[in-house]
Amino acid sequence: MATKKISELDPATALAGTELLEIVQAASSRKVTADEIAKLARYSIPFGFTSPPTASEALLIHVFAEAVTLPDNFTGARSHVGVNPTATATLTVRQNGTSVGTISISTAGVATFNTTGAEVVFAVGDVLRIDAQATPDTTLANCAFTLIGRRT
């Protein structure tokens, strides 16, 4: 096998996540998986509420201190609904005041995350706001959500 400089190697086109890579940490070599490295770039945005939201209530206001990208349809997001709504409830996700997606909660307590068709890129200083619907559902309560993005 010929010796090549790193700059002469072909770029990786895809990683499965299980590949072992050698790194140096605290002056020691150790092996980590590509998945472990990817987790370092994750950015979690949790929010929730215990009582039914009021009309158009701001449920989350988050200012980004670093650039973050949220994937299309908020892939990877998680939810827990403690008390189901009596009709589908829709939360509006906004970037600097502009709607970029929704979180819909069915009467069965299933949350569906949607964007307006693409990933959402937040720059330093951008504001993520999540608002309750204009007509409140008086039963929806004890909910928790986490959006998962990546530092960019």
N, C-alpha and C. Protein backbone atom coordinates (compact mmCIF):
# COMPACT_ATOMS: atom_id res chain seq x y z
N MET A 1 0.84 -1.17 0.00
CA MET A 1 0.00 0.00 0.00
C MET A 1 0.89 1.24 0.00
N ALA A 2 0.60 2.15 -0.89
CA ALA A 2 1.38 3.38 -1.01
C ALA A 2 1.00 4.35 0.10
N THR A 3 1.96 5.12 0.53
CA THR A 3 1.70 6.14 1.54
C THR A 3 1.16 7.39 0.86
N LYS A 4 0.06 7.95 1.41
CA LYS A 4 -0.55 9.16 0.86
C LYS A 4 -0.69 10.19 1.97
N LYS A 5 -0.61 11.43 1.58
CA LYS A 5 -0.91 12.50 2.52
C LYS A 5 -2.43 12.54 2.71
N ILE A 6 -2.87 13.02 3.85
CA ILE A 6 -4.31 13.12 4.11
C ILE A 6 -4.98 13.95 3.03
N SER A 7 -4.34 15.01 2.59
CA SER A 7 -4.93 15.88 1.57
C SER A 7 -5.10 15.17 0.22
N GLU A 8 -4.44 14.03 0.03
CA GLU A 8 -4.54 13.28 -1.22
C GLU A 8 -5.58 12.17 -1.17
N LEU A 9 -6.16 11.94 0.01
CA LEU A 9 -7.16 10.87 0.14
C LEU A 9 -8.49 11.29 -0.45
N ASP A 10 -9.25 10.32 -0.95
CA ASP A 10 -10.59 10.59 -1.45
C ASP A 10 -11.48 10.93 -0.25
N PRO A 11 -12.41 11.88 -0.43
CA PRO A 11 -13.30 12.22 0.69
C PRO A 11 -14.29 11.09 0.95
N ALA A 12 -14.69 10.95 2.21
CA ALA A 12 -15.73 9.98 2.56
C ALA A 12 -17.05 10.48 1.99
N THR A 13 -17.82 9.59 1.39
CA THR A 13 -19.10 10.00 0.82
C THR A 13 -20.25 9.76 1.78
N ALA A 14 -20.11 8.80 2.66
CA ALA A 14 -21.16 8.51 3.64
C ALA A 14 -20.55 7.70 4.78
N LEU A 15 -21.05 7.94 5.95
CA LEU A 15 -20.60 7.17 7.11
C LEU A 15 -21.81 6.47 7.72
N ALA A 16 -21.63 5.23 8.13
CA ALA A 16 -22.70 4.49 8.76
C ALA A 16 -22.85 4.86 10.23
N GLY A 17 -21.80 5.43 10.80
CA GLY A 17 -21.83 5.81 12.21
C GLY A 17 -21.06 4.89 13.11
N THR A 18 -20.78 3.69 12.61
CA THR A 18 -20.07 2.71 13.44
C THR A 18 -18.57 2.65 13.17
N GLU A 19 -18.11 3.43 12.20
CA GLU A 19 -16.70 3.43 11.86
C GLU A 19 -15.89 3.96 13.04
N LEU A 20 -14.76 3.31 13.33
CA LEU A 20 -13.89 3.76 14.41
C LEU A 20 -12.87 4.75 13.87
N LEU A 21 -12.73 5.84 14.57
CA LEU A 21 -11.77 6.87 14.20
C LEU A 21 -10.86 7.10 15.40
N GLU A 22 -9.60 7.34 15.15
CA GLU A 22 -8.68 7.60 16.24
C GLU A 22 -8.58 9.10 16.47
N ILE A 23 -8.71 9.49 17.73
CA ILE A 23 -8.59 10.90 18.10
C ILE A 23 -7.58 11.03 19.23
N VAL A 24 -7.16 12.26 19.47
CA VAL A 24 -6.30 12.54 20.62
C VAL A 24 -7.11 13.42 21.56
N GLN A 25 -7.24 12.95 22.79
CA GLN A 25 -7.99 13.68 23.80
C GLN A 25 -7.19 13.66 25.10
N ALA A 26 -6.95 14.83 25.66
CA ALA A 26 -6.18 14.95 26.91
C ALA A 26 -4.85 14.22 26.79
N ALA A 27 -4.16 14.43 25.68
CA ALA A 27 -2.82 13.88 25.42
C ALA A 27 -2.80 12.36 25.29
N SER A 28 -3.96 11.73 25.08
CA SER A 28 -4.01 10.28 24.87
C SER A 28 -4.81 9.98 23.61
N SER A 29 -4.42 8.91 22.96
CA SER A 29 -5.18 8.46 21.79
C SER A 29 -6.33 7.60 22.26
N ARG A 30 -7.46 7.75 21.59
CA ARG A 30 -8.59 6.87 21.85
C ARG A 30 -9.40 6.72 20.58
N LYS A 31 -10.16 5.66 20.50
CA LYS A 31 -11.00 5.41 19.34
C LYS A 31 -12.44 5.75 19.67
N VAL A 32 -13.08 6.43 18.73
CA VAL A 32 -14.49 6.80 18.87
C VAL A 32 -15.20 6.46 17.56
N THR A 33 -16.52 6.34 17.64
CA THR A 33 -17.29 6.10 16.42
C THR A 33 -17.69 7.44 15.80
N ALA A 34 -18.05 7.38 14.54
CA ALA A 34 -18.52 8.58 13.86
C ALA A 34 -19.78 9.11 14.55
N ASP A 35 -20.64 8.21 15.06
CA ASP A 35 -21.84 8.64 15.79
C ASP A 35 -21.49 9.43 17.04
N GLU A 36 -20.46 9.01 17.76
CA GLU A 36 -20.06 9.73 18.97
C GLU A 36 -19.59 11.14 18.64
N ILE A 37 -18.90 11.29 17.53
CA ILE A 37 -18.45 12.62 17.11
C ILE A 37 -19.66 13.47 16.70
N ALA A 38 -20.59 12.87 15.99
CA ALA A 38 -21.77 13.61 15.53
C ALA A 38 -22.59 14.13 16.71
N LYS A 39 -22.64 13.37 17.80
CA LYS A 39 -23.41 13.79 18.98
C LYS A 39 -22.86 15.08 19.57
N LEU A 40 -21.57 15.34 19.37
CA LEU A 40 -20.97 16.56 19.89
C LEU A 40 -21.55 17.80 19.21
N ALA A 41 -22.04 17.65 18.00
CA ALA A 41 -22.57 18.78 17.24
C ALA A 41 -24.08 18.96 17.42
N ARG A 42 -24.73 18.05 18.15
CA ARG A 42 -26.18 18.16 18.34
C ARG A 42 -26.53 19.37 19.19
N TYR A 43 -27.72 19.88 18.96
CA TYR A 43 -28.21 21.04 19.69
C TYR A 43 -29.66 20.75 20.05
N SER A 44 -29.95 20.60 21.32
CA SER A 44 -31.31 20.28 21.77
C SER A 44 -32.02 21.53 22.26
N ILE A 45 -33.29 21.66 21.90
CA ILE A 45 -34.11 22.79 22.33
C ILE A 45 -35.37 22.22 22.98
N PRO A 46 -35.35 22.09 24.31
CA PRO A 46 -36.53 21.57 25.00
C PRO A 46 -37.50 22.69 25.39
N PHE A 47 -38.78 22.37 25.42
CA PHE A 47 -39.79 23.29 25.96
C PHE A 47 -41.01 22.49 26.32
N GLY A 48 -41.89 23.06 27.09
CA GLY A 48 -43.10 22.38 27.48
C GLY A 48 -44.02 23.28 28.26
N PHE A 49 -45.15 22.72 28.69
CA PHE A 49 -46.12 23.47 29.49
C PHE A 49 -46.93 22.48 30.30
N THR A 50 -47.41 22.92 31.46
CA THR A 50 -48.19 22.04 32.33
C THR A 50 -49.68 22.32 32.26
N SER A 51 -50.06 23.58 32.08
CA SER A 51 -51.48 23.92 31.99
C SER A 51 -51.83 24.30 30.55
N PRO A 52 -53.11 24.26 30.20
CA PRO A 52 -53.49 24.59 28.82
C PRO A 52 -53.00 25.99 28.43
N PRO A 53 -52.35 26.11 27.27
CA PRO A 53 -51.88 27.42 26.83
C PRO A 53 -53.04 28.38 26.55
N THR A 54 -52.79 29.65 26.77
CA THR A 54 -53.78 30.67 26.43
C THR A 54 -53.67 31.01 24.94
N ALA A 55 -54.57 31.83 24.45
CA ALA A 55 -54.61 32.19 23.03
C ALA A 55 -53.29 32.81 22.58
N SER A 56 -52.67 32.19 21.60
CA SER A 56 -51.42 32.67 20.99
C SER A 56 -50.27 32.86 21.99
N GLU A 57 -50.33 32.16 23.10
CA GLU A 57 -49.28 32.28 24.11
C GLU A 57 -47.92 31.85 23.56
N ALA A 58 -46.89 32.63 23.89
CA ALA A 58 -45.52 32.25 23.53
C ALA A 58 -45.08 31.14 24.47
N LEU A 59 -44.90 29.95 23.94
CA LEU A 59 -44.51 28.79 24.75
C LEU A 59 -43.00 28.66 24.83
N LEU A 60 -42.30 29.24 23.87
CA LEU A 60 -40.84 29.22 23.86
C LEU A 60 -40.34 30.45 23.11
N ILE A 61 -39.37 31.12 23.70
CA ILE A 61 -38.62 32.17 23.00
C ILE A 61 -37.15 31.84 23.25
N HIS A 62 -36.42 31.57 22.17
CA HIS A 62 -35.03 31.11 22.27
C HIS A 62 -34.17 31.96 21.34
N VAL A 63 -33.13 32.58 21.89
CA VAL A 63 -32.18 33.35 21.09
C VAL A 63 -30.94 32.49 20.88
N PHE A 64 -30.51 32.34 19.64
CA PHE A 64 -29.37 31.49 19.34
C PHE A 64 -28.05 32.22 19.59
N ALA A 65 -27.20 31.60 20.37
CA ALA A 65 -25.86 32.14 20.64
C ALA A 65 -24.84 31.54 19.69
N GLU A 66 -25.27 30.57 18.89
CA GLU A 66 -24.42 29.96 17.87
C GLU A 66 -25.32 29.54 16.71
N ALA A 67 -24.74 29.37 15.55
CA ALA A 67 -25.51 28.98 14.36
C ALA A 67 -25.98 27.53 14.51
N VAL A 68 -27.25 27.31 14.19
CA VAL A 68 -27.87 25.99 14.33
C VAL A 68 -28.80 25.75 13.15
N THR A 69 -28.83 24.52 12.65
CA THR A 69 -29.77 24.13 11.60
C THR A 69 -30.71 23.07 12.14
N LEU A 70 -32.01 23.31 11.98
CA LEU A 70 -33.02 22.32 12.33
C LEU A 70 -33.42 21.60 11.05
N PRO A 71 -33.48 20.26 11.06
CA PRO A 71 -33.75 19.52 9.82
C PRO A 71 -35.19 19.68 9.33
N ASP A 72 -35.38 19.39 8.05
CA ASP A 72 -36.70 19.41 7.45
C ASP A 72 -37.65 18.57 8.29
N ASN A 73 -38.84 19.09 8.51
CA ASN A 73 -39.87 18.45 9.33
C ASN A 73 -39.38 18.14 10.75
N PHE A 74 -38.37 18.88 11.20
CA PHE A 74 -37.83 18.75 12.56
C PHE A 74 -37.52 17.28 12.89
N THR A 75 -36.96 16.58 11.89
CA THR A 75 -36.61 15.16 12.06
C THR A 75 -35.80 14.98 13.34
N GLY A 76 -36.16 13.97 14.12
CA GLY A 76 -35.47 13.68 15.37
C GLY A 76 -36.15 14.30 16.58
N ALA A 77 -37.13 15.19 16.36
CA ALA A 77 -37.84 15.83 17.48
C ALA A 77 -38.60 14.78 18.27
N ARG A 78 -38.78 15.06 19.54
CA ARG A 78 -39.49 14.14 20.45
C ARG A 78 -40.61 14.89 21.15
N SER A 79 -41.63 14.13 21.59
CA SER A 79 -42.75 14.76 22.28
C SER A 79 -43.33 13.84 23.33
N HIS A 80 -43.98 14.45 24.29
CA HIS A 80 -44.78 13.74 25.28
C HIS A 80 -46.02 14.58 25.52
N VAL A 81 -47.19 13.98 25.41
CA VAL A 81 -48.45 14.68 25.66
C VAL A 81 -49.12 13.99 26.83
N GLY A 82 -49.27 14.72 27.93
CA GLY A 82 -49.87 14.15 29.13
C GLY A 82 -51.37 14.12 29.08
N VAL A 83 -51.99 15.23 28.64
CA VAL A 83 -53.45 15.32 28.52
C VAL A 83 -53.76 15.74 27.09
N ASN A 84 -54.45 14.87 26.37
CA ASN A 84 -54.74 15.09 24.95
C ASN A 84 -55.71 16.25 24.74
N PRO A 85 -55.59 16.93 23.59
CA PRO A 85 -56.55 17.98 23.27
C PRO A 85 -57.89 17.39 22.85
N THR A 86 -58.95 18.20 22.93
CA THR A 86 -60.27 17.73 22.48
C THR A 86 -60.40 17.81 20.97
N ALA A 87 -59.59 18.66 20.33
CA ALA A 87 -59.50 18.76 18.88
C ALA A 87 -58.01 18.96 18.56
N THR A 88 -57.61 18.67 17.34
CA THR A 88 -56.20 18.83 16.99
C THR A 88 -55.72 20.23 17.33
N ALA A 89 -54.61 20.30 18.05
CA ALA A 89 -54.02 21.59 18.43
C ALA A 89 -52.78 21.81 17.58
N THR A 90 -52.56 23.04 17.17
CA THR A 90 -51.42 23.36 16.31
C THR A 90 -50.60 24.49 16.93
N LEU A 91 -49.32 24.21 17.14
CA LEU A 91 -48.38 25.21 17.62
C LEU A 91 -47.63 25.73 16.39
N THR A 92 -47.37 27.02 16.36
CA THR A 92 -46.67 27.63 15.23
C THR A 92 -45.22 27.88 15.61
N VAL A 93 -44.31 27.41 14.76
CA VAL A 93 -42.87 27.60 14.97
C VAL A 93 -42.44 28.77 14.09
N ARG A 94 -41.80 29.77 14.71
CA ARG A 94 -41.42 30.98 13.98
C ARG A 94 -39.92 31.25 14.07
N GLN A 95 -39.38 31.77 13.00
CA GLN A 95 -37.99 32.23 12.96
C GLN A 95 -38.04 33.73 12.73
N ASN A 96 -37.59 34.49 13.73
CA ASN A 96 -37.61 35.95 13.63
C ASN A 96 -38.98 36.49 13.23
N GLY A 97 -40.05 35.85 13.75
CA GLY A 97 -41.42 36.30 13.50
C GLY A 97 -42.12 35.67 12.32
N THR A 98 -41.38 34.97 11.46
CA THR A 98 -41.96 34.34 10.27
C THR A 98 -42.20 32.86 10.54
N SER A 99 -43.39 32.38 10.19
CA SER A 99 -43.71 30.97 10.39
C SER A 99 -42.82 30.09 9.52
N VAL A 100 -42.18 29.09 10.15
CA VAL A 100 -41.33 28.15 9.41
C VAL A 100 -41.78 26.71 9.64
N GLY A 101 -42.86 26.52 10.43
CA GLY A 101 -43.32 25.17 10.66
C GLY A 101 -44.41 25.11 11.72
N THR A 102 -44.86 23.87 11.96
CA THR A 102 -45.90 23.65 12.96
C THR A 102 -45.62 22.36 13.73
N ILE A 103 -46.24 22.30 14.88
CA ILE A 103 -46.30 21.07 15.66
C ILE A 103 -47.78 20.83 15.89
N SER A 104 -48.32 19.77 15.30
CA SER A 104 -49.74 19.45 15.43
C SER A 104 -49.91 18.30 16.41
N ILE A 105 -50.85 18.44 17.33
CA ILE A 105 -51.08 17.42 18.35
C ILE A 105 -52.50 16.90 18.16
N SER A 106 -52.59 15.61 17.84
CA SER A 106 -53.90 15.00 17.57
C SER A 106 -54.64 14.71 18.87
N THR A 107 -55.93 14.37 18.74
CA THR A 107 -56.74 14.01 19.90
C THR A 107 -56.25 12.72 20.56
N ALA A 108 -55.40 11.97 19.85
CA ALA A 108 -54.80 10.76 20.42
C ALA A 108 -53.47 11.08 21.11
N GLY A 109 -53.07 12.36 21.08
CA GLY A 109 -51.82 12.75 21.73
C GLY A 109 -50.58 12.54 20.89
N VAL A 110 -50.75 12.37 19.59
CA VAL A 110 -49.62 12.16 18.70
C VAL A 110 -49.20 13.51 18.10
N ALA A 111 -47.92 13.84 18.26
CA ALA A 111 -47.40 15.10 17.72
C ALA A 111 -46.79 14.85 16.35
N THR A 112 -47.12 15.72 15.40
CA THR A 112 -46.55 15.68 14.06
C THR A 112 -45.81 16.99 13.84
N PHE A 113 -44.55 16.87 13.47
CA PHE A 113 -43.69 18.03 13.27
C PHE A 113 -43.56 18.30 11.77
N ASN A 114 -43.77 19.55 11.37
CA ASN A 114 -43.67 19.92 9.95
C ASN A 114 -42.93 21.24 9.80
N THR A 115 -42.15 21.34 8.74
CA THR A 115 -41.55 22.62 8.36
C THR A 115 -42.19 23.05 7.05
N THR A 116 -41.83 24.22 6.59
CA THR A 116 -42.41 24.74 5.35
C THR A 116 -41.68 24.20 4.13
N GLY A 117 -41.02 23.04 4.27
CA GLY A 117 -40.46 22.37 3.10
C GLY A 117 -38.96 22.29 3.05
N ALA A 118 -38.27 22.73 4.07
CA ALA A 118 -36.81 22.67 4.04
C ALA A 118 -36.28 22.77 5.46
N GLU A 119 -34.98 22.51 5.59
CA GLU A 119 -34.37 22.70 6.90
C GLU A 119 -34.40 24.19 7.23
N VAL A 120 -34.31 24.49 8.52
CA VAL A 120 -34.39 25.88 8.98
C VAL A 120 -33.04 26.25 9.58
N VAL A 121 -32.40 27.26 9.00
CA VAL A 121 -31.05 27.67 9.40
C VAL A 121 -31.15 28.93 10.26
N PHE A 122 -30.66 28.83 11.50
CA PHE A 122 -30.66 29.96 12.42
C PHE A 122 -29.24 30.49 12.55
N ALA A 123 -29.09 31.79 12.40
CA ALA A 123 -27.80 32.46 12.60
C ALA A 123 -27.71 32.93 14.05
N VAL A 124 -26.52 33.29 14.47
CA VAL A 124 -26.33 33.86 15.80
C VAL A 124 -27.24 35.09 15.93
N GLY A 125 -28.02 35.14 17.01
CA GLY A 125 -28.93 36.26 17.25
C GLY A 125 -30.34 36.04 16.74
N ASP A 126 -30.56 35.03 15.91
CA ASP A 126 -31.91 34.73 15.44
C ASP A 126 -32.76 34.26 16.62
N VAL A 127 -34.08 34.45 16.49
CA VAL A 127 -35.01 34.08 17.55
C VAL A 127 -35.96 32.99 17.06
N LEU A 128 -36.02 31.92 17.82
CA LEU A 128 -36.99 30.84 17.61
C LEU A 128 -38.12 31.09 18.61
N ARG A 129 -39.34 31.14 18.10
CA ARG A 129 -40.49 31.33 18.98
C ARG A 129 -41.53 30.28 18.61
N ILE A 130 -42.14 29.69 19.61
CA ILE A 130 -43.21 28.72 19.39
C ILE A 130 -44.45 29.24 20.10
N ASP A 131 -45.52 29.44 19.33
CA ASP A 131 -46.76 30.01 19.84
C ASP A 131 -47.89 28.99 19.85
N ALA A 132 -48.76 29.10 20.87
CA ALA A 132 -49.98 28.31 20.92
C ALA A 132 -50.94 28.84 19.86
N GLN A 133 -51.96 28.05 19.58
CA GLN A 133 -52.94 28.48 18.57
C GLN A 133 -53.81 29.62 19.11
N ALA A 134 -54.42 30.36 18.19
CA ALA A 134 -55.23 31.53 18.56
C ALA A 134 -56.48 31.15 19.35
N THR A 135 -57.07 29.99 19.02
CA THR A 135 -58.22 29.50 19.77
C THR A 135 -57.73 28.38 20.69
N PRO A 136 -57.62 28.65 21.98
CA PRO A 136 -57.02 27.66 22.87
C PRO A 136 -57.85 26.39 23.03
N ASP A 137 -57.16 25.29 23.25
CA ASP A 137 -57.80 24.03 23.62
C ASP A 137 -57.70 23.97 25.14
N THR A 138 -58.81 23.83 25.79
CA THR A 138 -58.82 23.92 27.26
C THR A 138 -58.40 22.63 27.97
N THR A 139 -58.12 21.58 27.21
CA THR A 139 -57.71 20.33 27.87
C THR A 139 -56.23 19.99 27.66
N LEU A 140 -55.63 20.45 26.59
CA LEU A 140 -54.22 20.11 26.29
C LEU A 140 -53.32 20.57 27.44
N ALA A 141 -52.58 19.63 28.03
CA ALA A 141 -51.74 19.99 29.17
C ALA A 141 -50.64 18.95 29.37
N ASN A 142 -49.70 19.31 30.24
CA ASN A 142 -48.60 18.43 30.64
C ASN A 142 -47.83 17.89 29.43
N CYS A 143 -47.38 18.81 28.58
CA CYS A 143 -46.69 18.45 27.35
C CYS A 143 -45.22 18.84 27.40
N ALA A 144 -44.41 18.04 26.77
CA ALA A 144 -42.98 18.34 26.66
C ALA A 144 -42.52 18.00 25.23
N PHE A 145 -41.65 18.85 24.70
CA PHE A 145 -41.16 18.68 23.35
C PHE A 145 -39.66 18.98 23.34
N THR A 146 -38.94 18.33 22.44
CA THR A 146 -37.53 18.66 22.22
C THR A 146 -37.26 18.65 20.72
N LEU A 147 -36.82 19.80 20.23
CA LEU A 147 -36.36 19.89 18.84
C LEU A 147 -34.87 19.59 18.84
N ILE A 148 -34.41 18.86 17.84
CA ILE A 148 -33.00 18.49 17.74
C ILE A 148 -32.43 19.09 16.47
N GLY A 149 -31.39 19.89 16.62
CA GLY A 149 -30.70 20.47 15.49
C GLY A 149 -29.23 20.11 15.52
N ARG A 150 -28.47 20.78 14.67
CA ARG A 150 -27.02 20.56 14.67
C ARG A 150 -26.34 21.92 14.57
N ARG A 151 -25.26 22.03 15.30
CA ARG A 151 -24.47 23.25 15.24
C ARG A 151 -23.85 23.35 13.84
N THR A 152 -23.88 24.54 13.26
CA THR A 152 -23.35 24.70 11.90
C THR A 152 -22.33 25.80 11.85
